[in-house]
Amino acid sequence: MTAHDQQQRQEDEDLRLAQAARLRRTWLTPRGWRYWSAVNNTEVGVWYSVTAFFFFLFAGVLALMVRAQLAVPDNDLVTPGFYNQLFTLHGTMMMFLFAVPIFEAVAILIMPQMLAARDLPFPRLSAFGFWCFVIGGVFVAGSIFFGAAPDSGWFMYPPLATNKDTAGIGADIWLLGLSFIEIASIAAAVELIVGVLKCRPPGMRIHLMPLYCWYVLIVAGMILFAFPPLIAGDILFEAQRLLDWPFFDPARGGDPVLWQHLFWIFGHPEVYIIFLPSIALMAMIVPTFAQTPIVGYGWIVLAAVGTGFLSFGLWAHHMFTIGLPAISLGFFSAASEAVAIPTGVQIFVFLATMLAGRVIFAVPMLYAAGSLAIFVFGGLTGVMVAIAPFDWQAHDTHFIVAHLHYTLIGGMFFPLIGGLYYFYPFVAKKMLSDRLGKWAFWLMFAGFNITFLPMHFTGLRGMPRRVFTYPAGHGWDWLNLVSSVGAFVMAAGVLVVVWDLLRPGKRTAPPNPWKAGTLEWSTMDDEAWGVRSVPHVTSRYPLWDQPGISDDIDQGRGYLPDAAAGRRETLITSVLDAEPEQVLRLPANSFLPMLAAIFVGFSFIGATFHWWTPALISGVIGIGVIIVWLWTGTARIPEAATIDAGRGLTLPLYGSGPRSVGWWAMFITMVGDSTAFASLIFGYFFYWTIHTDFPPAGTTGPGQVWPAIAGLLAVIAWGLTLAARRANTAGLGARTRAALVLAAAAALGSGAALVMAITMTGLDPAAHVYDATVWVIALWTALHLVVGVIMQLYCCARSHAGHLGPAHDIDLQNIVLYWHFAVITAVVTVAVTGLFPLAS
């Protein structure tokens, strides 16, 4: 059937109603207790957002208690120990349980419709990430009710936090709880990157996609490079607390500065990971209310990329006071100043857009304007602390607290509330109150400045941060009192927002209430299917530039107007030009993601309390649930090779290799995984640079024999995996399985040789940091080889069950990709631990 014939056929109203009924039935949200098995972005995005906002309110209450304690000198409202828990948990929750998760939550919620996609490519992964987030968040936040919350500050500097006498179990809760939450962050990042690259509608070339998607792509990519160093640091940190491996103990060769490097390689980009998504919201709000396309689309994209890139070169400006060499001070100071350039470009683009259009100062725009004012102020103080001599004076004072909050609340919180008022009609089909929105804005804007502006002066007068109380007469008294009053005024503004969200009787939202130009506003139907049909897009603002596109979408004149097979489907397109490539079958609702998160989560919680056997059993069950999830929900062979995608287009239902979204997910995941491994290698060479003898004299090291055997077997395992792929392509099933079994045996042998290398050569990980570093690198690599074995045996089983063949080889293509990274990891491990000592 030609495209014209299909368009004519689509004018039949009975046909359209039947199509809509099938779509509605296929995408139906479950009712009752099964509701919690939903994996649609429309449900998971709302759960994610509400949970993150709840954690924000929780952390806000902790902040109010801190401000109440500091309101007057010599106050004893709370004990010193509880005060330490309050400010530590406040910072931890705001950064890890609100600022980053809310970005991912909003993106999961709105991006599919913005791209005219039915859903993101891995809805069960989104659900798994959400449940990990909930379990980890409740575990960390709930610790304060048992007096066990972390109390060493949100960046957990050793030796304070590694000493079990000064930091109790709270430090373990922080490390293991947040490590679990980081799984959720990375899972969401993978989902969002693949979603932006592969789920755009036909015609939406990469230079036509909404700026919001550009920011999501950049920030999700930053997460892949920023979070793994923290994960690597967490491993070293917990190994010291749990096993007494001396990574941060100078008496045995360790150095606490390594933790600072790993933490701030994560921590500084984290600020931009928080900031850029809110700029993305402004990039949607400002053109809409200026009633004109964004000015300088290309410039703002380049500026966002530049900001993300430069943010990784600034971490050491948090460490100016530790005694860095002069050349390092100069470099990081200059880099810190340089990031103001791309940041300024983005702000000037917004100002230019406002000047080019006719601005309507609705509530979302009010928050956007307030954000610009606050953030610019915070940016100026950032330029001040980027200058090393000034930083030496202001470091660890309330000036830094003020700067941090001006940057984050101005750069993140105000745009987020603006985004809430902007996107609420899209999500709930209701309008929030303009009057309450303005009340909330002015209360929060005034309260924020009353709170944090005086802190600059408190800090310049020498008041250190994180002190439980202070004596009268230092000139801090009235400044602290003003700050505390301001905090409660700001809290009143937040409560107005909460009331506006909860109050009954909201007005029904009209279609496209803001007259926006992007696709998420094409329909206000309260349907779970995302879009009725997928349009062909030729503009950055389709609703402004393509007349009738909303009607075409609603009438099913686009792609995928039907769900004839009763299966959830979305369109996959090429990375750059958005050419249609495949119709992807999406998995249906399931409790498996929730169960996987529960069992894996309990393995982390059990490890925290040293319940080793239950933790191990729970972890094994969790892995089993994930395997069942993969077996039943991914890479399934369709009933036909192709499907009618609408508009006269026929597309395949199956794609493997780079045409598969799973291949992209594996590639992106392994990039993040390799970053964590590179962080461990960085640790090895960090110690090498600070010691005159590393390895220390008299240390045997792992030698060369066992590492060489391990490397050779890893290469053989990789080669056999490639041979298995070749045999599978030739249709030789038995040979495929034989090669995979041999590959698994070689991989196990490689892992065993690595374990022999560290256990049979006299290395004692508790004696010296060199031994501990070699141990952790070898164990990391051995663990990855074991994971590779599980994948090989999984493919073997799939082949035996008839789910893997020459034309259907997604699983095998993906594990070959995994093994490319695994063999590189093994070779680098052998080179660093076995060969480098010969040259040093």
Foldseek 3Di string as FASTA:
>chain_A
DFLVVQLVVLVPPVVLVVQVVLLQLLLPQDDDPLNLLFLFLLVLLVLLQVQLVVLLVLLLVLVLVLLVLAQFFPRPPDPLLLNLLSQQSSVQSCLQSHLLSNLLSVCQNQVCLLQVWLHFFASLLSSLLSLLSVLLVCQQSVCVVVSQAWRCHNLQFPPQNLDCVNTPLNSLSSLLSSLSNLSSLLSSLLRLLLRLQWFHFFQCFPLQRQLLSLLSNLLSLLSLQQVLLSNLLSVVSVCCNPVVQPQPPVVFLHNSVLSLLSSLLNVQLSLVSSQSSLLSLVQQVLCLQLVHHFPPSVLLSVLSNVLNVLSSVQSCLLVLPVDDDPVSLVRNLVSQVVNVVSVVSSVVSSVVSNVVGPGDPFLLNLLLVLLSVLQVVLSVVSNQSSNSVSVVLLPQALLVVLSSCSNNCSRHVSSVVSSCQVCVCLSVQFHFDRVLSVQLVVLQSQLSCQQRVLSNVRRNLPHGPSDSRHHPDSPCNNSSSSNSVSSVSNVVSVVSVVCSVPPPDTHGADQPNSLGQGRSSLDSDPGSSSWLARAHDNHSRCNVPPPPPSVCRSSQSHWPNRDVVSFRWIFTAHRRNRHTAAIETFFGRRCLSSLLSVLQSVLSVCVSVVVNPSSVVSNVVSVVSVLVCCVPTPLFDDPDQWDRGHSRDIHGHADADPSDSLLSSLLSNLSSVVSSLVSLVVSLVVSVVVDPDVVHPPAQFLAQPLLVLLLVLLVQLLVLLVVLLVCQLVFNLVSNLVSLVSSLVSLQSSLVSLVCSLPVRPQDSSNHNNSVSLVVLSNSLSVLSNVLNVLSVSVSVCSVVVSGGSVRHRSSSNSSVSSVSSSVSSVVSSCSRHPVSVVD
